[in-house]
Each structure stands twice: as structure tokens, then as C-alpha cells.
């Protein structure tokens, strides 16, 4: 099918485009007393070609490796950020992700990671 503006398209899923968020990170509260010992934040963009993701905490980029060598509690898989047994002194902050492909980059909304109180 030939579109009016001269782009040859075989299907809407194959049309090249810059990233558009379909999932943005959301605020999270971690309770150290909880049975769940990790925090997960998700970021997903619809893009063609596929987007790559970079996570930021308090405006500083996290390393792009699946396992952060400076903080092995942090794992990044595509747009998914997981922090195993987070610490309020190390991991409290504002998180954002950037999705990028050859057509551009977009920055997500801030998502805060806060810590609940342990009961006495």
C-alpha cells in the first residue's frame, strides 16, 4: 500500500517512528518489613526500530549494563529497573528513564522511590 505522502507501507506495525511511552515509571514505597524484598519500576516505549533505555536517579545516569557493577543490587533489563533489597541511604530518590532510537529520545516523568517505616 502506498500512502498519500509517498511512504511505502506494508502494515502499521512496520512504520518507522520515534519512541512514544506506553508505560512510564510510577512512584513506589518500599517497606523493609515486607516479604517482597525488591522494587521494580517499568518504562516501555512503542518505537520502530526498538528503543534502548537509560535510567537516571536524581538526574545521574545509571550504568547501561544489566547488572550495575558499582551497585550489584540494581538490574536493568530493557525498560525494567529492579532494585534488590533497596537501602534508603543508597536508593531513595527520583527515577526517570530515557527511551531512544534513531528517530529521537523521550524522557519519562519522575517516579519517586520512598521508604516506609519499620514498626517497632
Protein backbone atom coordinates (compact mmCIF):
# COMPACT_ATOMS: atom_id res chain seq x y z
CA UNK A 1 0.00 0.00 0.00
CA UNK A 2 1.36 3.44 -0.93
CA UNK A 3 0.35 6.22 1.44
CA UNK A 4 -0.51 9.69 0.11
CA UNK A 5 2.78 11.14 1.30
CA UNK A 6 4.90 8.60 -0.57
CA UNK A 7 5.83 6.14 2.19
CA UNK A 8 5.58 2.52 1.12
CA UNK A 9 3.88 0.68 3.99
CA UNK A 10 3.06 -2.99 4.36
CA UNK A 11 1.47 -2.69 7.83
CA UNK A 12 1.09 -0.10 10.58
CA UNK A 13 3.39 -2.05 12.94
CA UNK A 14 6.24 -1.76 10.42
CA UNK A 15 6.11 2.02 10.05
CA UNK A 16 9.30 3.56 11.43
CA UNK A 17 8.74 6.03 14.27
CA UNK A 18 10.33 7.64 17.28
CA UNK A 19 9.56 6.37 20.78
CA UNK A 20 6.22 7.08 22.47
CA UNK A 21 5.72 5.96 26.06
CA UNK A 22 3.12 3.27 26.69
CA UNK A 23 4.35 2.68 30.28
CA UNK A 24 6.09 5.22 32.49
CA UNK A 25 7.65 4.60 35.89
CA UNK A 26 5.39 5.14 38.90
CA UNK A 27 6.13 6.21 42.48
CA UNK A 28 7.00 3.34 44.80
CA UNK A 29 7.16 2.93 48.57
CA UNK A 30 9.42 0.19 49.84
CA UNK A 31 8.68 -1.28 53.26
CA UNK A 32 11.77 -3.03 54.66
CA UNK A 33 9.48 -5.21 56.80
CA UNK A 34 7.66 -6.51 53.72
CA UNK A 35 8.12 -10.05 52.41
CA UNK A 36 8.77 -8.55 48.97
CA UNK A 37 12.48 -7.69 49.01
CA UNK A 38 12.72 -5.82 45.71
CA UNK A 39 11.36 -2.75 43.94
CA UNK A 40 10.55 -2.75 40.23
CA UNK A 41 9.98 0.27 38.00
CA UNK A 42 8.90 -0.12 34.40
CA UNK A 43 9.39 2.03 31.35
CA UNK A 44 8.19 0.95 27.90
CA UNK A 45 8.05 2.81 24.63
CA UNK A 46 6.39 1.94 21.35
CA UNK A 47 9.09 2.56 18.73
CA UNK A 48 10.38 1.24 15.43
CA UNK A 49 13.24 0.47 15.42
CA UNK A 50 13.05 -0.72 19.03
CA UNK A 51 14.06 1.75 21.72
CA UNK A 52 17.01 1.38 24.05
CA UNK A 53 16.63 2.59 27.64
CA UNK A 54 18.80 4.50 30.10
CA UNK A 55 17.72 5.00 33.71
CA UNK A 56 18.55 8.03 35.84
CA UNK A 57 18.40 8.56 39.59
CA UNK A 58 18.40 12.16 40.80
CA UNK A 59 19.41 13.20 37.25
CA UNK A 60 22.54 10.98 37.24
CA UNK A 61 22.61 8.10 34.72
CA UNK A 62 22.79 4.52 35.94
CA UNK A 63 25.31 2.29 34.10
CA UNK A 64 23.84 0.62 31.00
CA UNK A 65 24.84 -2.91 31.94
CA UNK A 66 22.23 -5.48 33.02
CA UNK A 67 23.93 -5.62 36.44
CA UNK A 68 25.30 -2.37 37.84
CA UNK A 69 28.91 -3.12 38.84
CA UNK A 70 29.05 -0.22 41.31
CA UNK A 71 25.78 -1.36 42.93
CA UNK A 72 25.03 -5.05 42.24
CA UNK A 73 21.57 -4.67 43.81
CA UNK A 74 20.45 -2.80 40.65
CA UNK A 75 19.49 -4.72 37.50
CA UNK A 76 18.26 -3.20 34.24
CA UNK A 77 16.58 -5.32 31.58
CA UNK A 78 15.35 -3.26 28.62
CA UNK A 79 12.97 -0.79 30.26
CA UNK A 80 12.67 -2.65 33.57
CA UNK A 81 14.63 -1.46 36.60
CA UNK A 82 14.83 -3.79 39.60
CA UNK A 83 16.49 -2.98 42.92
CA UNK A 84 17.03 -5.97 45.18
CA UNK A 85 16.83 -5.20 48.90
CA UNK A 86 16.97 -1.42 48.46
CA UNK A 87 18.51 0.78 51.11
CA UNK A 88 17.06 4.18 52.00
CA UNK A 89 20.57 5.65 52.18
CA UNK A 90 21.55 4.40 48.70
CA UNK A 91 18.37 4.13 46.66
CA UNK A 92 15.96 6.82 47.86
CA UNK A 93 15.42 9.35 45.06
CA UNK A 94 13.75 10.40 41.84
CA UNK A 95 13.98 7.93 38.96
CA UNK A 96 13.45 8.57 35.25
CA UNK A 97 14.13 6.68 32.06
CA UNK A 98 15.01 7.82 28.57
CA UNK A 99 13.87 5.80 25.58
CA UNK A 100 15.93 6.32 22.42
CA UNK A 101 16.01 5.10 18.85
CA UNK A 102 17.35 6.54 15.59
CA UNK A 103 14.36 8.90 15.36
CA UNK A 104 14.76 10.55 18.77
CA UNK A 105 14.64 10.33 22.55
CA UNK A 106 11.97 10.91 25.17
CA UNK A 107 12.30 11.45 28.92
CA UNK A 108 9.78 9.88 31.29
CA UNK A 109 8.03 11.51 34.21
CA UNK A 110 9.77 11.38 37.60
CA UNK A 111 8.98 8.43 39.85
CA UNK A 112 9.97 8.65 43.50
CA UNK A 113 11.28 5.73 45.49
CA UNK A 114 10.47 6.31 49.16
CA UNK A 115 10.84 4.09 52.18
CA UNK A 116 8.16 3.15 54.68
CA UNK A 117 8.77 2.93 58.39
CA UNK A 118 9.58 -0.30 60.14
CA UNK A 119 7.24 -0.84 63.07
CA UNK A 120 8.81 -1.36 66.49
